[in-house]
Structures are given as C-alpha cells and as structure tokens.
C-alpha atoms as a PDB file:
ATOM      1  CA  MET A   1      -1.305  -4.761 -64.057  1.00  0.00           C
ATOM      2  CA  ALA A   2      -2.227  -4.334 -60.400  1.00  0.00           C
ATOM      3  CA  THR A   3      -2.571  -0.595 -60.903  1.00  0.00           C
ATOM      4  CA  LEU A   4      -4.928  -1.116 -63.834  1.00  0.00           C
ATOM      5  CA  LEU A   5      -7.036  -3.473 -61.704  1.00  0.00           C
ATOM      6  CA  LEU A   6      -7.316  -0.950 -58.879  1.00  0.00           C
ATOM      7  CA  VAL A   7      -8.267   1.856 -61.270  1.00  0.00           C
ATOM      8  CA  THR A   8     -10.926  -0.319 -62.845  1.00  0.00           C
ATOM      9  CA  LEU A   9     -12.363  -1.273 -59.448  1.00  0.00           C
ATOM     10  CA  TYR A  10     -12.414   2.385 -58.400  1.00  0.00           C
ATOM     11  CA  GLU A  11     -14.237   3.496 -61.546  1.00  0.00           C
ATOM     12  CA  TYR A  12     -16.948   0.898 -61.170  1.00  0.00           C
ATOM     13  CA  SER A  13     -17.113   0.788 -57.318  1.00  0.00           C
ATOM     14  CA  PRO A  14     -16.628   4.047 -55.340  1.00  0.00           C
ATOM     15  CA  LEU A  15     -17.212   2.034 -52.167  1.00  0.00           C
ATOM     16  CA  PHE A  16     -13.940   0.230 -52.805  1.00  0.00           C
ATOM     17  CA  TYR A  17     -12.030   3.518 -52.487  1.00  0.00           C
ATOM     18  CA  ILE A  18     -13.815   4.343 -49.247  1.00  0.00           C
ATOM     19  CA  ALA A  19     -13.021   0.888 -47.857  1.00  0.00           C
ATOM     20  CA  VAL A  20      -9.321   1.200 -48.737  1.00  0.00           C
ATOM     21  CA  VAL A  21      -9.026   4.632 -47.124  1.00  0.00           C
ATOM     22  CA  SER A  22     -10.854   3.417 -44.003  1.00  0.00           C
ATOM     23  CA  LEU A  23      -8.586   0.378 -43.711  1.00  0.00           C
ATOM     24  CA  CYS A  24      -5.477   2.540 -44.066  1.00  0.00           C
ATOM     25  CA  PHE A  25      -6.791   4.859 -41.358  1.00  0.00           C
ATOM     26  CA  LEU A  26      -7.426   2.002 -38.940  1.00  0.00           C
ATOM     27  CA  VAL A  27      -4.001   0.480 -39.517  1.00  0.00           C
ATOM     28  CA  THR A  28      -2.306   3.859 -39.061  1.00  0.00           C
ATOM     29  CA  ALA A  29      -4.275   4.530 -35.863  1.00  0.00           C
ATOM     30  CA  ALA A  30      -3.306   1.105 -34.485  1.00  0.00           C
ATOM     31  CA  VAL A  31       0.369   1.783 -35.177  1.00  0.00           C
ATOM     32  CA  VAL A  32       0.230   5.196 -33.477  1.00  0.00           C
ATOM     33  CA  LEU A  33      -1.619   3.810 -30.443  1.00  0.00           C
ATOM     34  CA  GLY A  34       0.841   0.961 -30.121  1.00  0.00           C
ATOM     35  CA  TRP A  35       3.777   3.367 -30.388  1.00  0.00           C
ATOM     36  CA  PHE A  36       2.503   5.434 -27.425  1.00  0.00           C
ATOM     37  CA  GLY A  37       1.738   2.380 -25.302  1.00  0.00           C
ATOM     38  CA  PHE A  38      -2.034   2.151 -25.713  1.00  0.00           C
ATOM     39  CA  ASP A  39      -3.878  -1.098 -26.206  1.00  0.00           C
ATOM     40  CA  VAL A  40      -4.403  -2.062 -29.829  1.00  0.00           C
ATOM     41  CA  PRO A  41      -7.920  -3.348 -30.622  1.00  0.00           C
ATOM     42  CA  VAL A  42      -7.988  -7.125 -30.811  1.00  0.00           C
ATOM     43  CA  PHE A  43      -9.537  -7.221 -34.298  1.00  0.00           C
ATOM     44  CA  LEU A  44      -6.477  -5.386 -35.666  1.00  0.00           C
ATOM     45  CA  LEU A  45      -4.096  -8.030 -34.329  1.00  0.00           C
ATOM     46  CA  SER A  46      -3.102 -11.076 -36.290  1.00  0.00           C
ATOM     47  CA  HIS A  47      -3.670 -14.574 -34.914  1.00  0.00           C
ATOM     48  CA  ASP A  48      -0.024 -14.897 -33.948  1.00  0.00           C
ATOM     49  CA  GLU A  49      -0.059 -11.586 -32.081  1.00  0.00           C
ATOM     50  CA  THR A  50      -3.138 -12.525 -30.044  1.00  0.00           C
ATOM     51  CA  GLU A  51      -1.468 -15.719 -28.933  1.00  0.00           C
ATOM     52  CA  SER A  52       1.717 -13.977 -27.789  1.00  0.00           C
ATOM     53  CA  VAL A  53       2.044 -13.022 -24.124  1.00  0.00           C
ATOM     54  CA  VAL A  54       3.955 -10.030 -22.761  1.00  0.00           C
ATOM     55  CA  LEU A  55       5.106 -11.038 -19.301  1.00  0.00           C
ATOM     56  CA  THR A  56       4.936  -8.402 -16.577  1.00  0.00           C
ATOM     57  CA  PRO A  57       8.098  -8.322 -14.454  1.00  0.00           C
ATOM     58  CA  GLU A  58       7.645  -9.956 -11.071  1.00  0.00           C
ATOM     59  CA  LYS A  59       8.768  -8.014  -8.027  1.00  0.00           C
ATOM     60  CA  LEU A  60      10.991 -10.093  -5.780  1.00  0.00           C
ATOM     61  CA  MET A  61       9.653 -10.025  -2.237  1.00  0.00           C
ATOM     62  CA  VAL A  62      11.295 -10.946   1.055  1.00  0.00           C
ATOM     63  CA  GLN A  63       9.030 -12.291   3.781  1.00  0.00           C
ATOM     64  CA  GLU A  64       9.492 -10.909   7.282  1.00  0.00           C
ATOM     65  CA  THR A  65       7.577 -11.552  10.492  1.00  0.00           C
ATOM     66  CA  ASN A  66       6.022  -8.358  11.818  1.00  0.00           C
ATOM     67  CA  PRO A  67       5.467  -8.676  15.584  1.00  0.00           C
ATOM     68  CA  PHE A  68       3.534  -5.392  15.822  1.00  0.00           C
ATOM     69  CA  SER A  69      -0.042  -4.388  15.131  1.00  0.00           C
ATOM     70  CA  LEU A  70      -2.069  -1.364  16.223  1.00  0.00           C
ATOM     71  CA  ALA A  71      -5.745  -0.607  15.675  1.00  0.00           C
ATOM     72  CA  LEU A  72      -7.854   2.403  16.551  1.00  0.00           C
ATOM     73  CA  GLY A  73      -9.980   1.770  19.613  1.00  0.00           C
ATOM     74  CA  SER A  74     -13.693   2.173  20.075  1.00  0.00           C
ATOM     75  CA  GLY A  75     -15.431   5.405  20.925  1.00  0.00           C
ATOM     76  CA  PRO A  76     -15.100   8.982  19.679  1.00  0.00           C
ATOM     77  CA  ALA A  77     -11.727  10.681  19.435  1.00  0.00           C
ATOM     78  CA  CYS A  78     -10.541  14.282  19.395  1.00  0.00           C
ATOM     79  CA  VAL A  79      -7.551  16.275  20.585  1.00  0.00           C
ATOM     80  CA  SER A  80      -9.405  17.544  23.674  1.00  0.00           C
ATOM     81  CA  ASP A  81     -10.705  14.148  24.847  1.00  0.00           C
ATOM     82  CA  GLY A  82      -7.940  11.910  23.507  1.00  0.00           C
ATOM     83  CA  VAL A  83      -8.066   8.683  21.506  1.00  0.00           C
ATOM     84  CA  SER A  84      -8.145   4.959  22.299  1.00  0.00           C
ATOM     85  CA  LEU A  85      -5.554   2.631  20.751  1.00  0.00           C
ATOM     86  CA  ARG A  86      -5.494  -1.163  20.775  1.00  0.00           C
ATOM     87  CA  PRO A  87      -2.052  -2.797  20.363  1.00  0.00           C
ATOM     88  CA  CYS A  88      -1.859  -6.501  19.556  1.00  0.00           C
ATOM     89  CA  CYS A  89       1.659  -7.896  19.343  1.00  0.00           C
ATOM     90  CA  LEU A  90       3.304 -11.305  19.142  1.00  0.00           C
ATOM     91  CA  GLU A  91       5.625 -10.372  22.009  1.00  0.00           C
ATOM     92  CA  PRO A  92       5.301  -8.054  25.035  1.00  0.00           C
ATOM     93  CA  CYS A  93       5.591  -4.529  23.669  1.00  0.00           C
ATOM     94  CA  VAL A  94       5.612  -0.901  24.761  1.00  0.00           C
ATOM     95  CA  LEU A  95       3.340   1.744  23.231  1.00  0.00           C
ATOM     96  CA  SER A  96       4.801   5.266  23.273  1.00  0.00           C
ATOM     97  CA  CYS A  97       2.497   8.151  22.313  1.00  0.00           C
ATOM     98  CA  PHE A  98       3.903  11.523  21.221  1.00  0.00           C
ATOM     99  CA  TRP A  99       1.289  14.276  20.938  1.00  0.00           C
ATOM    100  CA  GLY A 100       2.067  17.264  18.720  1.00  0.00           C
ATOM    101  CA  CYS A 101       5.283  15.779  17.345  1.00  0.00           C
ATOM    102  CA  GLU A 102       6.986  18.014  14.798  1.00  0.00           C
ATOM    103  CA  VAL A 103       6.980  16.642  11.262  1.00  0.00           C
ATOM    104  CA  SER A 104      10.639  17.514  10.828  1.00  0.00           C
ATOM    105  CA  ALA A 105      11.495  15.860  14.166  1.00  0.00           C
ATOM    106  CA  LEU A 106      10.018  12.531  13.085  1.00  0.00           C
ATOM    107  CA  GLN A 107      11.755  12.744   9.715  1.00  0.00           C
ATOM    108  CA  ASP A 108      15.060  13.460  11.427  1.00  0.00           C
ATOM    109  CA  ALA A 109      14.572  10.526  13.801  1.00  0.00           C
ATOM    110  CA  LEU A 110      13.827   8.110  10.972  1.00  0.00           C
ATOM    111  CA  HIS A 111      16.823   9.430   9.058  1.00  0.00           C
ATOM    112  CA  THR A 112      18.992   8.911  12.134  1.00  0.00           C
ATOM    113  CA  HIS A 113      17.858   5.293  12.362  1.00  0.00           C
ATOM    114  CA  GLN A 114      18.945   4.740   8.767  1.00  0.00           C
ATOM    115  CA  GLN A 115      22.317   6.390   9.297  1.00  0.00           C
ATOM    116  CA  ASN A 116      23.878   5.258  12.539  1.00  0.00           C
ATOM    117  CA  LEU A 117      21.734   5.194  15.706  1.00  0.00           C
ATOM    118  CA  ARG A 118      19.283   2.274  15.778  1.00  0.00           C
ATOM    119  CA  LEU A 119      15.924   3.194  17.346  1.00  0.00           C
ATOM    120  CA  THR A 120      14.914  -0.025  19.095  1.00  0.00           C
ATOM    121  CA  SER A 121      13.561   1.063  22.510  1.00  0.00           C
ATOM    122  CA  PRO A 122      11.169   3.679  23.932  1.00  0.00           C
ATOM    123  CA  GLN A 123      14.116   5.548  25.411  1.00  0.00           C
ATOM    124  CA  HIS A 124      15.778   5.798  21.985  1.00  0.00           C
ATOM    125  CA  PHE A 125      12.668   7.413  20.477  1.00  0.00           C
ATOM    126  CA  LEU A 126      12.243   9.725  23.460  1.00  0.00           C
ATOM    127  CA  GLU A 127      15.817  10.973  23.064  1.00  0.00           C
ATOM    128  CA  ALA A 128      15.516  11.292  19.260  1.00  0.00           C
ATOM    129  CA  LEU A 129      12.284  13.339  19.403  1.00  0.00           C
ATOM    130  CA  HIS A 130      12.905  15.364  22.590  1.00  0.00           C
ATOM    131  CA  PRO A 131      11.934  18.171  23.055  1.00  0.00           C
ATOM    132  CA  ARG A 132      10.066  18.554  19.770  1.00  0.00           C
ATOM    133  CA  PHE A 133       6.662  17.305  20.923  1.00  0.00           C
ATOM    134  CA  ASN A 134       3.988  18.591  23.319  1.00  0.00           C
ATOM    135  CA  TYR A 135       3.244  15.567  25.473  1.00  0.00           C
ATOM    136  CA  HIS A 136       4.524  12.008  25.887  1.00  0.00           C
ATOM    137  CA  GLU A 137       2.756   8.974  27.387  1.00  0.00           C
ATOM    138  CA  THR A 138       3.795   5.307  27.684  1.00  0.00           C
ATOM    139  CA  PHE A 139       1.649   2.156  27.925  1.00  0.00           C
ATOM    140  CA  TYR A 140       2.393  -1.543  28.211  1.00  0.00           C
ATOM    141  CA  GLU A 141       0.732  -4.417  26.402  1.00  0.00           C
ATOM    142  CA  ASP A 142      -1.133  -5.671  29.464  1.00  0.00           C
ATOM    143  CA  GLU A 143      -3.447  -2.694  28.949  1.00  0.00           C
ATOM    144  CA  LYS A 144      -5.507  -4.102  26.072  1.00  0.00           C
ATOM    145  CA  GLU A 145      -7.034  -0.757  25.042  1.00  0.00           C
ATOM    146  CA  CYS A 146      -5.029   2.307  25.904  1.00  0.00           C
ATOM    147  CA  HIS A 147      -6.581   5.762  26.124  1.00  0.00           C
ATOM    148  CA  THR A 148      -4.137   8.613  25.614  1.00  0.00           C
ATOM    149  CA  CYS A 149      -4.890  12.317  25.824  1.00  0.00           C
ATOM    150  CA  ILE A 150      -3.160  15.642  26.384  1.00  0.00           C
ATOM    151  CA  PRO A 151      -3.567  16.968  29.954  1.00  0.00           C
ATOM    152  CA  ALA A 152      -6.124  19.766  30.188  1.00  0.00           C
ATOM    153  CA  ASP A 153      -3.635  22.105  31.865  1.00  0.00           C
ATOM    154  CA  GLN A 154      -1.653  22.306  28.614  1.00  0.00           C
ATOM    155  CA  ARG A 155      -4.698  23.900  26.917  1.00  0.00           C
ATOM    156  CA  ILE A 156      -3.963  22.400  23.496  1.00  0.00           C
ATOM    157  CA  THR A 157      -7.118  22.147  21.401  1.00  0.00           C
ATOM    158  CA  ASP A 158      -5.651  22.108  17.887  1.00  0.00           C
ATOM    159  CA  PHE A 159      -2.370  22.080  15.994  1.00  0.00           C
ATOM    160  CA  GLY A 160      -2.848  25.139  13.831  1.00  0.00           C
ATOM    161  CA  PRO A 161      -4.053  25.734  10.264  1.00  0.00           C
ATOM    162  CA  LEU A 162      -2.998  23.734   7.230  1.00  0.00           C
ATOM    163  CA  PRO A 163      -0.327  22.977   6.209  1.00  0.00           C
ATOM    164  CA  ARG A 164       0.697  21.848   9.666  1.00  0.00           C
ATOM    165  CA  LYS A 165       4.163  21.499  11.124  1.00  0.00           C
ATOM    166  CA  HIS A 166       3.046  19.030  13.791  1.00  0.00           C
ATOM    167  CA  TYR A 167       1.474  15.587  13.597  1.00  0.00           C
ATOM    168  CA  PRO A 168      -1.463  15.265  16.030  1.00  0.00           C
ATOM    169  CA  LEU A 169      -0.266  11.889  17.326  1.00  0.00           C
ATOM    170  CA  VAL A 170       2.709   9.628  16.635  1.00  0.00           C
ATOM    171  CA  ALA A 171       2.443   6.157  18.185  1.00  0.00           C
ATOM    172  CA  VAL A 172       5.527   3.950  18.446  1.00  0.00           C
ATOM    173  CA  LEU A 173       5.486   0.215  19.201  1.00  0.00           C
ATOM    174  CA  THR A 174       8.724  -1.370  20.427  1.00  0.00           C
ATOM    175  CA  LEU A 175       9.554  -4.742  21.960  1.00  0.00           C
ATOM    176  CA  ALA A 176       9.629  -4.680  25.756  1.00  0.00           C
ATOM    177  CA  GLU A 177      12.189  -7.454  26.231  1.00  0.00           C
ATOM    178  CA  THR A 178      15.761  -7.202  24.987  1.00  0.00           C
ATOM    179  CA  GLU A 179      15.854 -10.918  24.148  1.00  0.00           C
ATOM    180  CA  ALA A 180      12.865 -10.548  21.834  1.00  0.00           C
ATOM    181  CA  ARG A 181      14.679  -7.892  19.789  1.00  0.00           C
ATOM    182  CA  ASN A 182      17.174 -10.534  18.723  1.00  0.00           C
ATOM    183  CA  LEU A 183      14.400 -12.772  17.410  1.00  0.00           C
ATOM    184  CA  TYR A 184      12.866 -10.343  14.915  1.00  0.00           C
ATOM    185  CA  ASN A 185      14.330  -8.288  12.122  1.00  0.00           C
ATOM    186  CA  ILE A 186      11.589  -5.686  12.628  1.00  0.00           C
ATOM    187  CA  VAL A 187      12.282  -3.842  15.892  1.00  0.00           C
ATOM    188  CA  ALA A 188       9.852  -0.896  15.845  1.00  0.00           C
ATOM    189  CA  ASN A 189       6.581   0.230  14.279  1.00  0.00           C
ATOM    190  CA  VAL A 190       5.959   3.979  13.872  1.00  0.00           C
ATOM    191  CA  ILE A 191       2.334   4.991  13.242  1.00  0.00           C
ATOM    192  CA  VAL A 192       1.269   8.541  12.368  1.00  0.00           C
ATOM    193  CA  ILE A 193      -2.359   9.126  13.390  1.00  0.00           C
ATOM    194  CA  HIS A 194      -4.659  12.007  12.562  1.00  0.00           C
ATOM    195  CA  VAL A 195      -6.921  13.065  15.433  1.00  0.00           C
ATOM    196  CA  PRO A 196      -9.687  15.608  14.709  1.00  0.00           C
ATOM    197  CA  ASP A 197      -9.654  18.993  16.407  1.00  0.00           C
ATOM    198  CA  GLY A 198     -11.464  22.301  16.213  1.00  0.00           C
ATOM    199  CA  LYS A 199      -9.727  23.461  13.028  1.00  0.00           C
ATOM    200  CA  TYR A 200      -9.525  20.207  11.057  1.00  0.00           C
ATOM    201  CA  ASN A 201     -12.396  17.833  11.725  1.00  0.00           C
ATOM    202  CA  LEU A 202     -11.316  14.930   9.521  1.00  0.00           C
ATOM    203  CA  SER A 203     -12.163  11.632  11.229  1.00  0.00           C
ATOM    204  CA  THR A 204      -9.513   9.695  13.126  1.00  0.00           C
ATOM    205  CA  ARG A 205      -7.356   7.576  10.837  1.00  0.00           C
ATOM    206  CA  ILE A 206      -3.900   6.157  10.354  1.00  0.00           C
ATOM    207  CA  LEU A 207      -1.929   8.318   7.921  1.00  0.00           C
ATOM    208  CA  PHE A 208       1.403   6.495   7.668  1.00  0.00           C
ATOM    209  CA  GLN A 209       3.022   3.387   9.053  1.00  0.00           C
ATOM    210  CA  TYR A 210       6.752   2.679   9.057  1.00  0.00           C
ATOM    211  CA  LEU A 211       8.590  -0.482  10.049  1.00  0.00           C
ATOM    212  CA  LEU A 212      12.171  -0.149  11.280  1.00  0.00           C
ATOM    213  CA  THR A 213      14.582  -3.069  11.028  1.00  0.00           C
ATOM    214  CA  SER A 214      17.635  -4.003  13.050  1.00  0.00           C
ATOM    215  CA  GLN A 215      19.834  -3.352   9.990  1.00  0.00           C
ATOM    216  CA  GLY A 216      18.803   0.293   9.854  1.00  0.00           C
ATOM    217  CA  HIS A 217      16.257  -0.014   7.052  1.00  0.00           C
ATOM    218  CA  MET A 218      12.866   1.678   6.996  1.00  0.00           C
ATOM    219  CA  HIS A 219       9.834   0.380   5.096  1.00  0.00           C
ATOM    220  CA  GLU A 220       6.446   2.029   4.661  1.00  0.00           C
ATOM    221  CA  LEU A 221       3.348  -0.109   5.044  1.00  0.00           C
ATOM    222  CA  LYS A 222       0.803   0.587   2.316  1.00  0.00           C
ATOM    223  CA  PRO A 223      -2.730  -0.798   1.930  1.00  0.00           C
ATOM    224  CA  LEU A 224      -3.798  -3.143  -0.850  1.00  0.00           C
ATOM    225  CA  PHE A 225      -6.977  -2.340  -2.784  1.00  0.00           C
ATOM    226  CA  MET A 226      -9.405  -5.174  -3.469  1.00  0.00           C
ATOM    227  CA  SER A 227     -12.862  -5.468  -4.922  1.00  0.00           C
ATOM    228  CA  ALA A 228     -15.669  -4.748  -2.459  1.00  0.00           C
ATOM    229  CA  GLU A 229     -17.930  -7.409  -3.973  1.00  0.00           C
ATOM    230  CA  THR A 230     -16.728 -10.167  -1.645  1.00  0.00           C
ATOM    231  CA  SER A 231     -15.942 -10.377   2.023  1.00  0.00           C
ATOM    232  CA  GLY A 232     -12.591 -10.437   3.698  1.00  0.00           C
ATOM    233  CA  PRO A 233      -9.954  -7.951   4.774  1.00  0.00           C
ATOM    234  CA  ALA A 234      -9.484  -5.170   2.258  1.00  0.00           C
ATOM    235  CA  ASN A 235      -6.065  -3.958   3.224  1.00  0.00           C
ATOM    236  CA  SER A 236      -3.262  -4.281   5.705  1.00  0.00           C
ATOM    237  CA  GLU A 237      -4.331  -1.293   7.790  1.00  0.00           C
ATOM    238  CA  ARG A 238      -7.616  -2.951   8.777  1.00  0.00           C
ATOM    239  CA  SER A 239      -6.018  -6.100  10.139  1.00  0.00           C
ATOM    240  CA  SER A 240      -6.038  -6.156  13.944  1.00  0.00           C
ATOM    241  CA  GLN A 241      -3.725  -9.155  14.228  1.00  0.00           C
ATOM    242  CA  PRO A 242       0.051  -9.346  13.784  1.00  0.00           C
ATOM    243  CA  ALA A 243       0.944 -10.648  10.352  1.00  0.00           C
ATOM    244  CA  GLU A 244       3.725 -11.459   7.975  1.00  0.00           C
ATOM    245  CA  ALA A 245       5.283  -8.553   6.074  1.00  0.00           C
ATOM    246  CA  GLN A 246       6.766  -8.805   2.593  1.00  0.00           C
ATOM    247  CA  THR A 247       9.312  -6.304   1.427  1.00  0.00           C
ATOM    248  CA  GLU A 248      11.724  -5.389  -1.353  1.00  0.00           C
ATOM    249  CA  GLY A 249      13.593  -2.109  -1.428  1.00  0.00           C
ATOM    250  CA  ASP A 250      11.415   0.565   0.155  1.00  0.00           C
ATOM    251  CA  ALA A 251       8.144  -1.355  -0.227  1.00  0.00           C
ATOM    252  CA  MET A 252       6.709  -3.466   2.551  1.00  0.00           C
ATOM    253  CA  ARG A 253       3.282  -5.029   2.921  1.00  0.00           C
ATOM    254  CA  ALA A 254       1.537  -6.577   5.919  1.00  0.00           C
ATOM    255  CA  GLU A 255       0.132  -9.897   4.776  1.00  0.00           C
ATOM    256  CA  THR A 256      -3.343 -10.708   6.070  1.00  0.00           C
ATOM    257  CA  ASP A 257      -5.221 -14.007   6.089  1.00  0.00           C
ATOM    258  CA  TRP A 258      -5.526 -14.999   2.432  1.00  0.00           C
ATOM    259  CA  SER A 259      -7.113 -18.403   3.078  1.00  0.00           C
ATOM    260  CA  GLU A 260      -9.445 -20.045   0.590  1.00  0.00           C
ATOM    261  CA  GLU A 261     -12.431 -19.432   2.881  1.00  0.00           C
ATOM    262  CA  MET A 262     -11.792 -15.687   2.805  1.00  0.00           C
ATOM    263  CA  GLY A 263     -10.358 -15.580  -0.705  1.00  0.00           C
ATOM    264  CA  ARG A 264     -11.679 -13.314  -3.430  1.00  0.00           C
ATOM    265  CA  ASN A 265     -12.413 -14.363  -6.965  1.00  0.00           C
ATOM    266  CA  CYS A 266     -10.420 -13.009  -9.881  1.00  0.00           C
ATOM    267  CA  VAL A 267     -12.285 -10.097 -11.506  1.00  0.00           C
ATOM    268  CA  ILE A 268     -11.492 -11.508 -14.961  1.00  0.00           C
ATOM    269  CA  CYS A 269     -12.251 -15.236 -14.883  1.00  0.00           C
ATOM    270  CA  GLN A 270     -14.445 -15.129 -11.731  1.00  0.00           C
ATOM    271  CA  ASN A 271     -13.164 -18.588 -10.900  1.00  0.00           C
ATOM    272  CA  ALA A 272      -9.649 -18.710  -9.500  1.00  0.00           C
ATOM    273  CA  ALA A 273      -8.651 -16.942  -6.292  1.00  0.00           C
ATOM    274  CA  VAL A 274      -6.965 -13.545  -6.421  1.00  0.00           C
ATOM    275  CA  ASN A 275      -3.227 -14.008  -6.017  1.00  0.00           C
ATOM    276  CA  ARG A 276      -1.589 -11.054  -7.786  1.00  0.00           C
ATOM    277  CA  VAL A 277      -0.990  -7.492  -6.613  1.00  0.00           C
ATOM    278  CA  LEU A 278      -0.384  -5.020  -9.442  1.00  0.00           C
ATOM    279  CA  LEU A 279       2.123  -2.222  -9.043  1.00  0.00           C
ATOM    280  CA  PRO A 280       2.175   0.719  -8.743  1.00  0.00           C
ATOM    281  CA  CYS A 281      -1.625   0.932  -8.269  1.00  0.00           C
ATOM    282  CA  ARG A 282      -1.640  -1.870  -5.601  1.00  0.00           C
ATOM    283  CA  HIS A 283      -4.874  -3.444  -6.867  1.00  0.00           C
ATOM    284  CA  ALA A 284      -5.155  -7.117  -5.856  1.00  0.00           C
ATOM    285  CA  CYS A 285      -7.705  -8.321  -8.368  1.00  0.00           C
ATOM    286  CA  VAL A 286      -6.406 -11.065 -10.718  1.00  0.00           C
ATOM    287  CA  CYS A 287      -5.218 -14.658 -10.499  1.00  0.00           C
ATOM    288  CA  ASP A 288      -1.893 -15.993 -11.746  1.00  0.00           C
ATOM    289  CA  ASN A 289      -3.248 -17.175 -15.114  1.00  0.00           C
ATOM    290  CA  CYS A 290      -5.133 -13.989 -15.997  1.00  0.00           C
ATOM    291  CA  MET A 291      -2.107 -11.908 -15.033  1.00  0.00           C
ATOM    292  CA  LEU A 292      -0.341 -13.249 -18.128  1.00  0.00           C
ATOM    293  CA  HIS A 293      -2.796 -11.536 -20.473  1.00  0.00           C
ATOM    294  CA  PHE A 294      -2.818  -7.959 -19.136  1.00  0.00           C
ATOM    295  CA  GLN A 295      -0.522  -4.974 -19.301  1.00  0.00           C
ATOM    296  CA  HIS A 296      -3.063  -2.604 -17.744  1.00  0.00           C
ATOM    297  CA  CYS A 297      -4.905  -2.944 -14.444  1.00  0.00           C
ATOM    298  CA  PRO A 298      -8.497  -4.109 -15.116  1.00  0.00           C
ATOM    299  CA  ILE A 299      -9.735  -1.877 -12.270  1.00  0.00           C
ATOM    300  CA  CYS A 300      -8.094   1.514 -12.857  1.00  0.00           C
ATOM    301  CA  ARG A 301      -6.439   0.944 -16.288  1.00  0.00           C
ATOM    302  CA  ALA A 302      -3.036   2.031 -14.943  1.00  0.00           C
ATOM    303  CA  PHE A 303      -0.046   0.518 -16.725  1.00  0.00           C
ATOM    304  CA  VAL A 304       1.327  -2.442 -14.746  1.00  0.00           C
ATOM    305  CA  LEU A 305       5.055  -2.096 -14.145  1.00  0.00           C
ATOM    306  CA  GLU A 306       5.437  -5.034 -11.761  1.00  0.00           C
ATOM    307  CA  SER A 307       3.415  -7.564  -9.777  1.00  0.00           C
ATOM    308  CA  PHE A 308       3.929  -9.876  -6.847  1.00  0.00           C
ATOM    309  CA  ALA A 309       2.144 -12.954  -5.498  1.00  0.00           C
ATOM    310  CA  LEU A 310       0.153 -13.010  -2.289  1.00  0.00           C
ATOM    311  CA  ARG A 311       0.935 -16.701  -1.918  1.00  0.00           C
ATOM    312  CA  PRO A 312       3.846 -18.653  -3.398  1.00  0.00           C
ATOM    313  CA  THR A 313       2.850 -20.274  -6.687  1.00  0.00           C
ATOM    314  CA  VAL A 314       3.495 -24.009  -6.886  1.00  0.00           C
ATOM    315  CA  ARG A 315       4.746 -24.901 -10.341  1.00  0.00           C
ATOM    316  CA  ILE A 316       4.622 -28.484 -11.601  1.00  0.00           C
END
C-alpha cells in the first residue's frame, strides 16, 4: 500500500522524488561527517541530540609556586654587544649566563637532572655544561638589570648557519640560599634565548623555558593564547612577576594575574569571564558554561582533547 502511494506521488509530483533524494543525501552526508569526527549541522540533529552534552575530559593540574621569573631588558641586543636581562624572583637568586652552549650539552644536562644528579646550584650547571659553551657569566639578584656579553677578544660574532648546534644564550636561575631550596619544589629555571647576529637577524626572544624540580622532574613552560580584543597579559612569557605554576605530567604553566579587573570575556557568550584553557591548542577563550557545548576550539577549530581551569570552579 505504501509503495503504491509513493508511486502515485512520484507520477503526479516529480518534485517529491527530488526532495526524497535530497533528504537521503543530507542524512548520508551527516552520518559520514559524524563518523569521521566532523560537526554535524544542527538542523540535522533531533531535539534530544541537541540537548545532550559531550563532556570534554578535564586535565588534572597540580599547583606549584614558581619563585623564578626572567624578562628581556630594555635596549637593543645582539651577539656583539650583548643583551640585558631582568630577573625578578621571590627569593635571592643567581643568574648564570652560558653563551654559545651546545644544544646537545643542554639536553644531556637536563637528562642528567632527570636521572640521578639534581641540578640545583650554579656550580651544578657549570659542571654539567663544561666545557661545551663559549663563555660563562654570573650575576646576583641585587643587580636589577644585568647586561651580559661575550668579551671582544673571543671574536665571536655569530653561531654559524642554520641548523645550528649551539644556542646563542642559555640563562639559568637558581636559588642563592640553601635554606630556600627546601621551601620550593621548583629549584631551577632554564631559559633558552635567541640573540640576533650577523647570519640570523631574528629579534631577541625567549625560545624555551624549563622548570626543574627537586624530585628530578622537568616541565616546559608554554604560553597561553588569548583574544587580543581585551587588555591583560596574553601569556606566561610576558609576565615579569613570579607566579604560580600548574603542572601535570610534562605540562606546566605559569599562572598570571587572572583577576576580574583584568579578566577577558568569553568569546561565545561575551558575558562570563574566560576560565578554560583548551588543549592541545592552548587557547584560553571560553567560560565554564560554554565549555560544555563545544568539542572544537572556537578560535582555531582544533579538536579539544582536554581542558583545565584557570581558577578553581566553586560548585554549589
């Protein structure tokens, strides 16, 4: 009976056939897109499906106090004239600068810290890197802005063509007092800095930052990406003050001042403050409520594997 009805409708209404084929195509396309992980258009979802929420796993973070902070100083910088650095620490600290440090030497030193020998003092780093660097210089925190440079008699103007086997500058912050090392889990901050020279004129910038703990762990500090529409610190590398660091596994983040006065609005609702960092893209752009409705980052459309909160969420 149903077949007879469909045949009759087709004979008297060719548009019916076109509509059926189009509907079948849309449904099939939605199934294929959903199978490969793409978003299914909302109009193809039933009412029950639109109400359902797929929760993104939350990354468990451990909060640690980071006593170290280093910012690039004012003025021009190059290998010939040197560079200015501005440490700002919670405790008296020592700044050790290693010019022309071999990439493999730094990797070996960090690996050594994770294996057996804990690198907690300037002498430890000097022994771990010696003699695989060109020049070494040490500063103390009472010098607010330190200017380090390679002596002219060494006649070093560049570190060779790309790819390079030497980092231009490796700066290491360690606690000056032995008693202070027992107060913090983080005992050293290793900063790899690019300094322009005659063969590679990229502007001065921090390339990598590593935090070493007293248990022999190493965590890399990575910046967070936020919308440029509002004011406030954009990422951890731009903060000139010591901050809290949150970590889990090999991920660690320097927490900046996320107060309400400097808070950013969620890019979705434009009302609540941003409180979620999406991983792995590290975009901090949504609030806790809007996070429940997205599987893809609203900024870069990357699939969200995990997320973590900038501030603890109070649940009632």
